[in-house]
């Protein structure tokens, strides 16, 4: 299984008052089905609906659906970096609308400060799943998709640069006998590291495309 992240750049900020204390929320489309995204991936709405139900039952409804600030390199949630907690995730057509409360944690307070400075933030879902290329060359996320978090808070754009950053971290995630393990991607790292700067963007795209072709053969 591969670590899969998807970026949504437009979320709304909400400030609500409870017992005289202001609470900050982010709200917007966290997941989107039946639509090709800029990472050349598509999720069946049915696959998302099934997984959102599990995630909601096991995490959202039990007040343990945390998200982090930034782009973590793996599928597990690091509570030291938790910045918000997802309070709801509901389907509207092919979209899944999420609402998350920003926490009074070190990273949550960074988010609040960024919001107060009118920074434009986005959210990025993070999950595990298999990919299969369809006849149109689009990578379809398979029904083994497992949602780790519906939303991390991010400020940077998606692939291919986000993909390249992940490759440079050298980590690919696989299930091995029910245990989540890391697998190094040395070939891609070496190719990027040895590329002259004037050709770097072209090679990034080539590596990105090559990676997904390899996935389709597995």
N, C-alpha and C. Protein backbone atom coordinates (compact mmCIF):
# COMPACT_ATOMS: atom_id res chain seq x y z
N UNK A 1 0.84 -1.20 0.00
CA UNK A 1 0.00 0.00 0.00
C UNK A 1 0.87 1.24 0.00
N UNK A 2 0.39 2.29 -0.62
CA UNK A 2 1.15 3.52 -0.76
C UNK A 2 0.55 4.62 0.13
N UNK A 3 1.44 5.49 0.60
CA UNK A 3 0.98 6.67 1.33
C UNK A 3 0.42 7.65 0.32
N UNK A 4 -0.84 8.06 0.50
CA UNK A 4 -1.53 8.93 -0.46
C UNK A 4 -1.99 10.20 0.25
N UNK A 5 -1.56 11.34 -0.27
CA UNK A 5 -2.00 12.63 0.29
C UNK A 5 -2.65 13.45 -0.82
N UNK A 6 -3.70 14.17 -0.47
CA UNK A 6 -4.40 15.04 -1.43
C UNK A 6 -4.62 16.41 -0.80
N UNK A 7 -4.32 17.44 -1.57
CA UNK A 7 -4.41 18.80 -1.06
C UNK A 7 -5.71 19.49 -1.49
N UNK A 8 -6.33 20.18 -0.54
CA UNK A 8 -7.44 21.09 -0.83
C UNK A 8 -6.99 22.47 -0.37
N UNK A 9 -6.93 23.43 -1.29
CA UNK A 9 -6.32 24.72 -0.96
C UNK A 9 -7.30 25.73 -0.40
N UNK A 10 -8.60 25.50 -0.55
CA UNK A 10 -9.57 26.49 -0.09
C UNK A 10 -10.39 25.95 1.07
N UNK A 11 -10.15 26.50 2.24
CA UNK A 11 -10.98 26.18 3.41
C UNK A 11 -11.41 27.49 4.05
N UNK A 12 -12.53 27.43 4.77
CA UNK A 12 -13.05 28.61 5.45
C UNK A 12 -12.62 28.60 6.91
N UNK A 13 -12.45 29.79 7.45
CA UNK A 13 -12.16 29.93 8.87
C UNK A 13 -13.42 30.39 9.58
N UNK A 14 -13.72 29.79 10.71
CA UNK A 14 -14.88 30.17 11.50
C UNK A 14 -14.44 30.45 12.93
N UNK A 15 -15.03 31.47 13.54
CA UNK A 15 -14.78 31.76 14.95
C UNK A 15 -16.12 31.71 15.66
N UNK A 16 -16.23 30.80 16.61
CA UNK A 16 -17.46 30.64 17.38
C UNK A 16 -17.17 30.92 18.85
N UNK A 17 -18.17 31.38 19.56
CA UNK A 17 -17.99 31.69 20.98
C UNK A 17 -18.75 30.69 21.83
N UNK A 18 -18.04 30.14 22.82
CA UNK A 18 -18.65 29.16 23.73
C UNK A 18 -18.21 29.49 25.15
N UNK A 19 -19.17 29.73 26.01
CA UNK A 19 -18.89 30.08 27.41
C UNK A 19 -17.93 31.27 27.50
N UNK A 20 -18.13 32.24 26.60
CA UNK A 20 -17.31 33.45 26.61
C UNK A 20 -15.93 33.28 26.02
N UNK A 21 -15.63 32.09 25.49
CA UNK A 21 -14.31 31.82 24.91
C UNK A 21 -14.44 31.61 23.41
N UNK A 22 -13.58 32.26 22.64
CA UNK A 22 -13.62 32.12 21.19
C UNK A 22 -12.92 30.82 20.76
N UNK A 23 -13.59 30.09 19.87
CA UNK A 23 -13.03 28.85 19.33
C UNK A 23 -12.87 29.01 17.83
N UNK A 24 -11.75 28.54 17.31
CA UNK A 24 -11.43 28.69 15.89
C UNK A 24 -11.63 27.35 15.18
N UNK A 25 -12.28 27.40 14.01
CA UNK A 25 -12.54 26.19 13.23
C UNK A 25 -12.09 26.41 11.78
N UNK A 26 -11.78 25.31 11.11
CA UNK A 26 -11.62 25.32 9.66
C UNK A 26 -12.71 24.43 9.08
N UNK A 27 -13.21 24.79 7.91
CA UNK A 27 -14.33 24.06 7.32
C UNK A 27 -14.22 24.11 5.81
N UNK A 28 -14.56 23.00 5.15
CA UNK A 28 -14.54 22.99 3.70
C UNK A 28 -14.58 21.57 3.17
N UNK A 29 -14.33 21.44 1.87
CA UNK A 29 -14.27 20.12 1.23
C UNK A 29 -12.96 19.46 1.62
N UNK A 30 -13.03 18.38 2.38
CA UNK A 30 -11.83 17.67 2.79
C UNK A 30 -11.50 16.52 1.82
N UNK A 31 -12.52 15.91 1.24
CA UNK A 31 -12.34 14.78 0.32
C UNK A 31 -13.30 14.94 -0.85
N UNK A 32 -12.89 14.44 -2.02
CA UNK A 32 -13.72 14.61 -3.21
C UNK A 32 -13.67 13.35 -4.06
N UNK A 33 -14.83 12.83 -4.42
CA UNK A 33 -14.91 11.61 -5.20
C UNK A 33 -15.28 11.85 -6.66
N UNK A 34 -15.04 10.82 -7.48
CA UNK A 34 -15.44 10.81 -8.90
C UNK A 34 -14.93 12.01 -9.69
N UNK A 35 -13.73 12.48 -9.34
CA UNK A 35 -13.15 13.60 -10.05
C UNK A 35 -11.63 13.47 -10.08
N UNK A 36 -11.04 13.57 -11.27
CA UNK A 36 -9.60 13.50 -11.39
C UNK A 36 -8.96 14.72 -10.72
N UNK A 37 -7.99 14.47 -9.81
CA UNK A 37 -7.32 15.59 -9.16
C UNK A 37 -5.99 15.87 -9.84
N UNK A 38 -5.28 16.88 -9.37
CA UNK A 38 -4.05 17.28 -10.06
C UNK A 38 -2.89 16.33 -9.82
N UNK A 39 -3.08 15.37 -8.93
CA UNK A 39 -2.10 14.30 -8.77
C UNK A 39 -2.38 13.13 -9.72
N UNK A 40 -3.30 13.35 -10.67
CA UNK A 40 -3.69 12.32 -11.64
C UNK A 40 -4.30 11.10 -10.96
N UNK A 41 -5.03 11.36 -9.87
CA UNK A 41 -5.70 10.28 -9.16
C UNK A 41 -7.19 10.55 -9.11
N UNK A 42 -7.96 9.47 -8.97
CA UNK A 42 -9.40 9.60 -8.82
C UNK A 42 -9.87 8.60 -7.77
N UNK A 43 -10.78 9.06 -6.93
CA UNK A 43 -11.38 8.22 -5.89
C UNK A 43 -12.83 7.98 -6.25
N UNK A 44 -13.26 6.73 -6.23
CA UNK A 44 -14.68 6.45 -6.35
C UNK A 44 -15.38 7.01 -5.11
N UNK A 45 -16.51 7.69 -5.33
CA UNK A 45 -17.28 8.21 -4.19
C UNK A 45 -17.71 7.08 -3.27
N UNK A 46 -18.01 5.91 -3.84
CA UNK A 46 -18.42 4.77 -3.02
C UNK A 46 -17.28 4.30 -2.10
N UNK A 47 -16.04 4.30 -2.65
CA UNK A 47 -14.88 3.93 -1.84
C UNK A 47 -14.71 4.93 -0.70
N UNK A 48 -14.82 6.22 -1.01
CA UNK A 48 -14.69 7.24 0.03
C UNK A 48 -15.79 7.14 1.07
N UNK A 49 -17.02 6.91 0.62
CA UNK A 49 -18.14 6.86 1.56
C UNK A 49 -17.95 5.73 2.56
N UNK A 50 -17.52 4.56 2.07
CA UNK A 50 -17.30 3.42 2.96
C UNK A 50 -16.21 3.73 3.98
N UNK A 51 -15.11 4.35 3.51
CA UNK A 51 -13.99 4.62 4.40
C UNK A 51 -14.29 5.77 5.36
N UNK A 52 -15.03 6.79 4.89
CA UNK A 52 -15.42 7.90 5.76
C UNK A 52 -16.31 7.40 6.88
N UNK A 53 -17.19 6.44 6.58
CA UNK A 53 -18.06 5.87 7.62
C UNK A 53 -17.22 5.19 8.69
N UNK A 54 -16.24 4.38 8.26
CA UNK A 54 -15.37 3.71 9.24
C UNK A 54 -14.59 4.74 10.06
N UNK A 55 -14.01 5.72 9.36
CA UNK A 55 -13.21 6.75 10.03
C UNK A 55 -14.06 7.55 11.02
N UNK A 56 -15.28 7.87 10.61
CA UNK A 56 -16.18 8.61 11.50
C UNK A 56 -16.56 7.79 12.72
N UNK A 57 -16.89 6.52 12.50
CA UNK A 57 -17.28 5.65 13.63
C UNK A 57 -16.13 5.46 14.61
N UNK A 58 -14.92 5.25 14.08
CA UNK A 58 -13.79 4.90 14.94
C UNK A 58 -13.04 6.10 15.49
N UNK A 59 -13.14 7.24 14.82
CA UNK A 59 -12.33 8.39 15.21
C UNK A 59 -13.14 9.65 15.47
N UNK A 60 -13.88 10.13 14.48
CA UNK A 60 -14.60 11.40 14.64
C UNK A 60 -15.59 11.31 15.80
N UNK A 61 -16.42 10.28 15.81
CA UNK A 61 -17.46 10.15 16.83
C UNK A 61 -16.92 9.86 18.22
N UNK A 62 -15.65 9.46 18.29
CA UNK A 62 -15.02 9.18 19.58
C UNK A 62 -14.05 10.30 19.98
N UNK A 63 -14.12 11.40 19.25
CA UNK A 63 -13.31 12.59 19.58
C UNK A 63 -11.81 12.30 19.56
N UNK A 64 -11.37 11.53 18.56
CA UNK A 64 -9.95 11.20 18.45
C UNK A 64 -9.45 11.32 17.02
N UNK A 65 -10.15 12.14 16.20
CA UNK A 65 -9.76 12.32 14.80
C UNK A 65 -8.83 13.54 14.68
N UNK A 66 -7.57 13.35 15.05
CA UNK A 66 -6.62 14.45 15.07
C UNK A 66 -5.97 14.66 13.69
N UNK A 67 -5.48 15.86 13.48
CA UNK A 67 -4.69 16.18 12.31
C UNK A 67 -3.47 16.98 12.75
N UNK A 68 -2.47 17.03 11.88
CA UNK A 68 -1.21 17.70 12.20
C UNK A 68 -1.01 18.95 11.35
N UNK A 69 -0.07 19.76 11.77
CA UNK A 69 0.36 20.91 10.99
C UNK A 69 1.55 20.48 10.15
N UNK A 70 1.43 20.61 8.83
CA UNK A 70 2.52 20.24 7.94
C UNK A 70 2.25 18.95 7.21
N UNK A 71 3.27 18.47 6.47
CA UNK A 71 3.17 17.25 5.67
C UNK A 71 3.96 16.13 6.34
N UNK A 72 3.35 15.34 7.21
CA UNK A 72 4.08 14.22 7.82
C UNK A 72 4.51 13.21 6.75
N UNK A 73 5.60 12.49 7.04
CA UNK A 73 6.15 11.56 6.05
C UNK A 73 5.59 10.16 6.16
N UNK A 74 4.73 9.91 7.13
CA UNK A 74 4.15 8.58 7.29
C UNK A 74 2.68 8.64 7.64
N UNK A 75 2.02 7.49 7.79
CA UNK A 75 0.58 7.46 8.00
C UNK A 75 0.12 7.58 9.45
N UNK A 76 1.03 7.53 10.39
CA UNK A 76 0.61 7.59 11.79
C UNK A 76 0.49 9.03 12.28
N UNK A 77 -0.38 9.23 13.26
CA UNK A 77 -0.60 10.56 13.84
C UNK A 77 0.36 10.77 15.02
N UNK A 78 1.13 11.85 14.96
CA UNK A 78 2.03 12.21 16.05
C UNK A 78 1.32 13.25 16.92
N UNK A 79 0.91 12.86 18.10
CA UNK A 79 0.12 13.75 18.96
C UNK A 79 0.89 14.99 19.38
N UNK A 80 2.22 14.93 19.38
CA UNK A 80 3.00 16.11 19.73
C UNK A 80 2.83 17.22 18.69
N UNK A 81 2.46 16.82 17.46
CA UNK A 81 2.30 17.79 16.37
C UNK A 81 0.82 18.09 16.09
N UNK A 82 -0.08 17.54 16.89
CA UNK A 82 -1.51 17.74 16.64
C UNK A 82 -1.86 19.23 16.72
N UNK A 83 -2.61 19.69 15.74
CA UNK A 83 -3.00 21.11 15.70
C UNK A 83 -4.51 21.29 15.71
N UNK A 84 -5.25 20.23 15.42
CA UNK A 84 -6.71 20.35 15.33
C UNK A 84 -7.34 18.98 15.48
N UNK A 85 -8.64 18.99 15.73
CA UNK A 85 -9.40 17.75 15.84
C UNK A 85 -10.64 17.87 14.95
N UNK A 86 -10.87 16.86 14.14
CA UNK A 86 -11.97 16.88 13.18
C UNK A 86 -13.27 16.54 13.93
N UNK A 87 -14.24 17.44 13.81
CA UNK A 87 -15.49 17.29 14.56
C UNK A 87 -16.62 16.70 13.73
N UNK A 88 -16.56 16.86 12.41
CA UNK A 88 -17.62 16.30 11.56
C UNK A 88 -17.09 16.09 10.15
N UNK A 89 -17.69 15.13 9.47
CA UNK A 89 -17.33 14.80 8.09
C UNK A 89 -18.58 14.24 7.43
N UNK A 90 -19.21 15.04 6.56
CA UNK A 90 -20.50 14.66 5.99
C UNK A 90 -20.46 14.74 4.47
N UNK A 91 -21.22 13.85 3.84
CA UNK A 91 -21.24 13.81 2.39
C UNK A 91 -22.25 14.81 1.82
N UNK A 92 -21.82 15.52 0.77
CA UNK A 92 -22.69 16.38 -0.02
C UNK A 92 -22.39 16.10 -1.49
N UNK A 93 -23.20 15.25 -2.11
CA UNK A 93 -22.92 14.82 -3.48
C UNK A 93 -21.66 13.97 -3.50
N UNK A 94 -20.68 14.37 -4.32
CA UNK A 94 -19.41 13.66 -4.38
C UNK A 94 -18.37 14.24 -3.43
N UNK A 95 -18.75 15.27 -2.70
CA UNK A 95 -17.84 15.92 -1.76
C UNK A 95 -18.10 15.46 -0.33
N UNK A 96 -17.05 15.51 0.50
CA UNK A 96 -17.18 15.22 1.92
C UNK A 96 -16.71 16.47 2.66
N UNK A 97 -17.67 17.14 3.29
CA UNK A 97 -17.42 18.41 3.94
C UNK A 97 -16.97 18.16 5.38
N UNK A 98 -15.82 18.72 5.73
CA UNK A 98 -15.29 18.53 7.07
C UNK A 98 -15.27 19.83 7.86
N UNK A 99 -15.32 19.67 9.16
CA UNK A 99 -15.17 20.79 10.08
C UNK A 99 -14.22 20.36 11.18
N UNK A 100 -13.20 21.18 11.44
CA UNK A 100 -12.20 20.83 12.44
C UNK A 100 -11.95 21.99 13.38
N UNK A 101 -11.82 21.67 14.67
CA UNK A 101 -11.55 22.69 15.68
C UNK A 101 -10.04 22.80 15.89
N UNK A 102 -9.52 24.03 15.82
CA UNK A 102 -8.10 24.26 16.06
C UNK A 102 -7.85 24.22 17.57
N UNK A 103 -6.85 23.45 17.97
CA UNK A 103 -6.60 23.18 19.38
C UNK A 103 -5.68 24.21 20.02
N UNK A 104 -5.72 24.27 21.36
CA UNK A 104 -4.78 25.11 22.12
C UNK A 104 -3.52 24.31 22.42
N UNK A 105 -2.89 23.83 21.37
CA UNK A 105 -1.61 23.11 21.47
C UNK A 105 -0.55 24.00 20.83
N UNK A 106 0.74 23.67 21.00
CA UNK A 106 1.77 24.49 20.35
C UNK A 106 1.54 24.67 18.85
N UNK A 107 1.23 23.58 18.15
CA UNK A 107 1.02 23.69 16.70
C UNK A 107 -0.34 24.30 16.38
N UNK A 108 -1.33 24.05 17.24
CA UNK A 108 -2.62 24.68 17.04
C UNK A 108 -2.53 26.18 17.18
N UNK A 109 -1.73 26.65 18.14
CA UNK A 109 -1.57 28.09 18.32
C UNK A 109 -0.83 28.73 17.15
N UNK A 110 0.06 27.97 16.51
CA UNK A 110 0.70 28.48 15.29
C UNK A 110 -0.36 28.69 14.21
N UNK A 111 -1.26 27.70 14.08
CA UNK A 111 -2.34 27.82 13.09
C UNK A 111 -3.20 29.04 13.39
N UNK A 112 -3.56 29.23 14.65
CA UNK A 112 -4.39 30.39 15.02
C UNK A 112 -3.70 31.70 14.68
N UNK A 113 -2.40 31.76 14.91
CA UNK A 113 -1.65 32.97 14.59
C UNK A 113 -1.62 33.21 13.09
N UNK A 114 -1.43 32.15 12.32
CA UNK A 114 -1.43 32.27 10.86
C UNK A 114 -2.78 32.77 10.36
N UNK A 115 -3.85 32.24 10.95
CA UNK A 115 -5.19 32.66 10.56
C UNK A 115 -5.41 34.14 10.91
N UNK A 116 -4.93 34.54 12.09
CA UNK A 116 -5.10 35.94 12.49
C UNK A 116 -4.35 36.89 11.56
N UNK A 117 -3.29 36.37 10.92
CA UNK A 117 -2.52 37.17 9.97
C UNK A 117 -3.06 37.02 8.55
N UNK A 118 -4.24 36.39 8.43
CA UNK A 118 -4.93 36.21 7.15
C UNK A 118 -4.14 35.35 6.16
N UNK A 119 -3.38 34.39 6.69
CA UNK A 119 -2.67 33.46 5.83
C UNK A 119 -3.66 32.54 5.12
N UNK A 120 -3.35 32.16 3.88
CA UNK A 120 -4.20 31.23 3.14
C UNK A 120 -3.68 29.82 3.37
N UNK A 121 -4.41 29.04 4.13
CA UNK A 121 -4.02 27.67 4.44
C UNK A 121 -4.89 26.69 3.66
N UNK A 122 -4.43 25.47 3.60
CA UNK A 122 -5.21 24.41 2.98
C UNK A 122 -5.20 23.19 3.87
N UNK A 123 -5.90 22.14 3.44
CA UNK A 123 -5.88 20.88 4.17
C UNK A 123 -5.46 19.76 3.23
N UNK A 124 -4.86 18.74 3.79
CA UNK A 124 -4.39 17.61 3.00
C UNK A 124 -4.80 16.32 3.70
N UNK A 125 -5.59 15.50 3.01
CA UNK A 125 -5.95 14.20 3.57
C UNK A 125 -4.73 13.28 3.48
N UNK A 126 -4.72 12.25 4.34
CA UNK A 126 -3.58 11.33 4.37
C UNK A 126 -4.10 9.93 4.58
N UNK A 127 -3.76 9.02 3.69
CA UNK A 127 -4.26 7.66 3.82
C UNK A 127 -3.35 6.66 3.16
N UNK A 128 -3.74 5.40 3.22
CA UNK A 128 -3.00 4.30 2.61
C UNK A 128 -3.92 3.61 1.61
N UNK A 129 -3.33 3.16 0.49
CA UNK A 129 -4.15 2.44 -0.47
C UNK A 129 -3.38 1.99 -1.69
N UNK A 130 -3.99 1.12 -2.47
CA UNK A 130 -3.42 0.67 -3.72
C UNK A 130 -3.93 1.54 -4.86
N UNK A 131 -3.12 1.64 -5.91
CA UNK A 131 -3.48 2.43 -7.08
C UNK A 131 -3.45 1.55 -8.32
N UNK A 132 -4.37 1.81 -9.24
CA UNK A 132 -4.40 1.05 -10.49
C UNK A 132 -4.70 2.01 -11.63
N UNK A 133 -3.89 1.93 -12.69
CA UNK A 133 -4.06 2.84 -13.83
C UNK A 133 -5.21 2.36 -14.71
N UNK A 134 -6.13 3.27 -15.05
CA UNK A 134 -7.23 2.89 -15.94
C UNK A 134 -6.86 3.15 -17.39
N UNK A 135 -7.78 2.92 -18.31
CA UNK A 135 -7.49 3.01 -19.74
C UNK A 135 -7.16 4.43 -20.18
N UNK A 136 -7.53 5.42 -19.37
CA UNK A 136 -7.22 6.82 -19.70
C UNK A 136 -5.93 7.30 -19.05
N UNK A 137 -5.21 6.39 -18.39
CA UNK A 137 -3.95 6.75 -17.77
C UNK A 137 -4.11 7.41 -16.41
N UNK A 138 -5.32 7.38 -15.83
CA UNK A 138 -5.56 7.97 -14.52
C UNK A 138 -5.41 6.89 -13.45
N UNK A 139 -4.77 7.24 -12.35
CA UNK A 139 -4.57 6.29 -11.26
C UNK A 139 -5.82 6.25 -10.39
N UNK A 140 -6.46 5.08 -10.34
CA UNK A 140 -7.67 4.92 -9.53
C UNK A 140 -7.29 4.35 -8.16
N UNK A 141 -7.76 5.00 -7.10
CA UNK A 141 -7.55 4.52 -5.74
C UNK A 141 -8.48 3.33 -5.50
N UNK A 142 -7.93 2.22 -5.04
CA UNK A 142 -8.69 0.98 -4.92
C UNK A 142 -9.46 0.92 -3.60
N UNK A 143 -10.31 -0.11 -3.47
CA UNK A 143 -11.22 -0.16 -2.33
C UNK A 143 -10.55 -0.63 -1.04
N UNK A 144 -9.20 -0.80 -1.06
CA UNK A 144 -8.50 -1.06 0.20
C UNK A 144 -8.05 0.25 0.86
N UNK A 145 -8.52 1.39 0.34
CA UNK A 145 -8.11 2.69 0.85
C UNK A 145 -8.44 2.81 2.34
N UNK A 146 -7.44 3.29 3.10
CA UNK A 146 -7.57 3.44 4.55
C UNK A 146 -7.19 4.86 4.91
N UNK A 147 -8.13 5.61 5.50
CA UNK A 147 -7.92 7.01 5.83
C UNK A 147 -7.21 7.13 7.18
N UNK A 148 -6.03 7.77 7.17
CA UNK A 148 -5.31 8.02 8.43
C UNK A 148 -5.81 9.29 9.09
N UNK A 149 -5.97 10.34 8.29
CA UNK A 149 -6.61 11.56 8.77
C UNK A 149 -7.26 12.26 7.59
N UNK A 150 -8.43 12.83 7.83
CA UNK A 150 -9.13 13.53 6.76
C UNK A 150 -8.50 14.88 6.47
N UNK A 151 -7.67 15.40 7.38
CA UNK A 151 -7.11 16.72 7.15
C UNK A 151 -5.90 17.02 8.02
N UNK A 152 -4.76 17.21 7.37
CA UNK A 152 -3.64 17.92 7.96
C UNK A 152 -3.72 19.36 7.44
N UNK A 153 -3.17 20.30 8.18
CA UNK A 153 -3.18 21.69 7.74
C UNK A 153 -1.85 21.99 7.06
N UNK A 154 -1.93 22.49 5.83
CA UNK A 154 -0.72 22.70 5.02
C UNK A 154 -0.78 24.07 4.34
N UNK A 155 0.38 24.48 3.85
CA UNK A 155 0.45 25.76 3.15
C UNK A 155 1.09 25.64 1.78
N UNK A 156 1.61 24.45 1.44
CA UNK A 156 2.33 24.31 0.18
C UNK A 156 1.54 23.50 -0.83
N UNK A 157 1.82 23.68 -2.13
CA UNK A 157 1.05 23.02 -3.18
C UNK A 157 1.35 21.53 -3.29
N UNK A 158 0.56 20.86 -4.13
CA UNK A 158 0.66 19.41 -4.25
C UNK A 158 1.67 19.01 -5.33
N UNK A 159 1.56 17.79 -5.85
CA UNK A 159 2.53 17.19 -6.75
C UNK A 159 2.74 18.02 -8.02
N UNK A 160 3.91 17.90 -8.73
CA UNK A 160 4.95 16.92 -8.41
C UNK A 160 5.91 17.31 -7.30
N UNK A 161 5.96 18.56 -6.89
CA UNK A 161 6.95 18.96 -5.88
C UNK A 161 6.72 18.28 -4.55
N UNK A 162 5.45 18.14 -4.13
CA UNK A 162 5.18 17.47 -2.86
C UNK A 162 5.60 16.01 -2.96
N UNK A 163 5.38 15.42 -4.14
CA UNK A 163 5.81 14.05 -4.38
C UNK A 163 7.33 13.93 -4.27
N UNK A 164 8.03 14.89 -4.87
CA UNK A 164 9.49 14.86 -4.84
C UNK A 164 10.00 15.00 -3.41
N UNK A 165 9.38 15.85 -2.61
CA UNK A 165 9.79 15.98 -1.22
C UNK A 165 9.64 14.64 -0.50
N UNK A 166 8.54 13.93 -0.80
CA UNK A 166 8.34 12.62 -0.19
C UNK A 166 9.40 11.62 -0.61
N UNK A 167 9.76 11.65 -1.89
CA UNK A 167 10.80 10.75 -2.39
C UNK A 167 12.14 11.07 -1.73
N UNK A 168 12.44 12.36 -1.58
CA UNK A 168 13.71 12.74 -0.98
C UNK A 168 13.80 12.31 0.48
N UNK A 169 12.63 12.15 1.10
CA UNK A 169 12.63 11.60 2.45
C UNK A 169 12.93 10.10 2.43
N UNK A 170 12.81 9.51 1.21
CA UNK A 170 13.22 8.13 1.01
C UNK A 170 12.30 7.10 1.61
N UNK A 171 11.03 7.40 1.72
CA UNK A 171 10.14 6.47 2.41
C UNK A 171 8.95 6.10 1.54
N UNK A 172 8.70 4.84 1.44
CA UNK A 172 7.50 4.31 0.81
C UNK A 172 6.91 3.34 1.83
N UNK A 173 5.58 3.33 1.98
CA UNK A 173 4.96 2.55 3.05
C UNK A 173 4.24 1.34 2.47
N UNK A 174 4.47 0.18 3.06
CA UNK A 174 3.85 -1.05 2.59
C UNK A 174 3.31 -1.84 3.78
N UNK A 175 2.30 -2.66 3.49
CA UNK A 175 1.81 -3.61 4.50
C UNK A 175 2.57 -4.91 4.31
N UNK A 176 3.14 -5.42 5.38
CA UNK A 176 3.90 -6.67 5.33
C UNK A 176 3.42 -7.57 6.46
N UNK A 177 2.56 -8.51 6.12
CA UNK A 177 2.03 -9.41 7.14
C UNK A 177 1.26 -8.70 8.23
N UNK A 178 0.54 -7.63 7.83
CA UNK A 178 -0.25 -6.88 8.79
C UNK A 178 0.53 -5.81 9.53
N UNK A 179 1.84 -5.68 9.23
CA UNK A 179 2.67 -4.68 9.88
C UNK A 179 3.05 -3.61 8.86
N UNK A 180 2.96 -2.35 9.27
CA UNK A 180 3.32 -1.25 8.40
C UNK A 180 4.83 -1.06 8.42
N UNK A 181 5.47 -1.14 7.24
CA UNK A 181 6.93 -1.03 7.17
C UNK A 181 7.32 0.05 6.16
N UNK A 182 8.60 0.50 6.25
CA UNK A 182 9.15 1.46 5.31
C UNK A 182 9.97 0.73 4.25
N UNK A 183 9.96 1.30 3.04
CA UNK A 183 10.77 0.75 1.96
C UNK A 183 11.46 1.92 1.25
N UNK A 184 12.79 1.85 1.16
CA UNK A 184 13.50 2.99 0.57
C UNK A 184 13.34 3.05 -0.94
N UNK A 185 13.35 4.27 -1.48
CA UNK A 185 13.21 4.49 -2.93
C UNK A 185 14.49 5.15 -3.41
N UNK A 186 15.60 4.42 -3.32
CA UNK A 186 16.91 4.99 -3.57
C UNK A 186 17.11 5.42 -5.03
N UNK A 187 16.55 4.67 -5.96
CA UNK A 187 16.76 4.99 -7.38
C UNK A 187 16.24 6.38 -7.72
N UNK A 188 15.03 6.71 -7.23
CA UNK A 188 14.45 8.02 -7.52
C UNK A 188 15.24 9.13 -6.82
N UNK A 189 15.65 8.89 -5.59
CA UNK A 189 16.43 9.88 -4.85
C UNK A 189 17.73 10.20 -5.60
N UNK A 190 18.41 9.15 -6.05
CA UNK A 190 19.70 9.33 -6.72
C UNK A 190 19.54 10.12 -8.00
N UNK A 191 18.49 9.80 -8.76
CA UNK A 191 18.25 10.48 -10.03
C UNK A 191 18.02 11.98 -9.82
N UNK A 192 17.23 12.32 -8.79
CA UNK A 192 16.95 13.73 -8.49
C UNK A 192 18.20 14.45 -8.00
N UNK A 193 18.95 13.79 -7.12
CA UNK A 193 20.13 14.42 -6.53
C UNK A 193 21.22 14.70 -7.57
N UNK A 194 21.30 13.88 -8.62
CA UNK A 194 22.35 14.03 -9.62
C UNK A 194 21.96 14.92 -10.79
N UNK A 195 20.74 15.44 -10.77
CA UNK A 195 20.26 16.27 -11.88
C UNK A 195 20.71 17.72 -11.74
N UNK A 196 21.30 18.31 -12.81
CA UNK A 196 21.64 19.74 -12.78
C UNK A 196 20.39 20.59 -12.58
N UNK A 197 20.54 21.73 -11.93
CA UNK A 197 19.39 22.56 -11.57
C UNK A 197 18.57 22.99 -12.77
N UNK A 198 19.20 23.21 -13.92
CA UNK A 198 18.46 23.68 -15.10
C UNK A 198 17.53 22.62 -15.67
N UNK A 199 17.75 21.35 -15.32
CA UNK A 199 16.89 20.27 -15.80
C UNK A 199 16.02 19.69 -14.68
N UNK A 200 16.11 20.27 -13.48
CA UNK A 200 15.50 19.65 -12.31
C UNK A 200 13.99 19.52 -12.43
N UNK A 201 13.30 20.58 -12.90
CA UNK A 201 11.85 20.52 -12.98
C UNK A 201 11.39 19.44 -13.97
N UNK A 202 12.09 19.34 -15.11
CA UNK A 202 11.74 18.31 -16.10
C UNK A 202 11.92 16.91 -15.52
N UNK A 203 13.02 16.70 -14.78
CA UNK A 203 13.29 15.38 -14.20
C UNK A 203 12.29 15.06 -13.09
N UNK A 204 11.89 16.07 -12.32
CA UNK A 204 10.87 15.85 -11.29
C UNK A 204 9.60 15.26 -11.91
N UNK A 205 9.17 15.85 -13.03
CA UNK A 205 7.95 15.38 -13.70
C UNK A 205 8.15 13.96 -14.23
N UNK A 206 9.34 13.70 -14.82
CA UNK A 206 9.61 12.37 -15.36
C UNK A 206 9.62 11.31 -14.26
N UNK A 207 10.23 11.64 -13.12
CA UNK A 207 10.27 10.70 -11.99
C UNK A 207 8.86 10.46 -11.46
N UNK A 208 8.08 11.53 -11.37
CA UNK A 208 6.69 11.43 -10.91
C UNK A 208 5.90 10.46 -11.80
N UNK A 209 6.02 10.65 -13.12
CA UNK A 209 5.28 9.80 -14.07
C UNK A 209 5.79 8.36 -14.01
N UNK A 210 7.11 8.20 -13.90
CA UNK A 210 7.70 6.87 -13.84
C UNK A 210 7.24 6.10 -12.60
N UNK A 211 7.13 6.82 -11.48
CA UNK A 211 6.70 6.20 -10.23
C UNK A 211 5.31 5.58 -10.37
N UNK A 212 4.39 6.32 -10.98
CA UNK A 212 3.02 5.81 -11.11
C UNK A 212 2.91 4.70 -12.14
N UNK A 213 3.78 4.72 -13.15
CA UNK A 213 3.81 3.60 -14.09
C UNK A 213 4.25 2.32 -13.40
N UNK A 214 5.23 2.47 -12.50
CA UNK A 214 5.68 1.32 -11.74
C UNK A 214 4.58 0.75 -10.85
N UNK A 215 3.81 1.65 -10.25
CA UNK A 215 2.69 1.21 -9.40
C UNK A 215 1.69 0.37 -10.18
N UNK A 216 1.45 0.78 -11.44
CA UNK A 216 0.43 0.10 -12.24
C UNK A 216 0.84 -1.32 -12.60
N UNK A 217 2.15 -1.61 -12.53
CA UNK A 217 2.61 -2.94 -12.88
C UNK A 217 2.55 -3.89 -11.68
N UNK A 218 2.34 -3.32 -10.47
CA UNK A 218 2.39 -4.15 -9.26
C UNK A 218 1.01 -4.65 -8.89
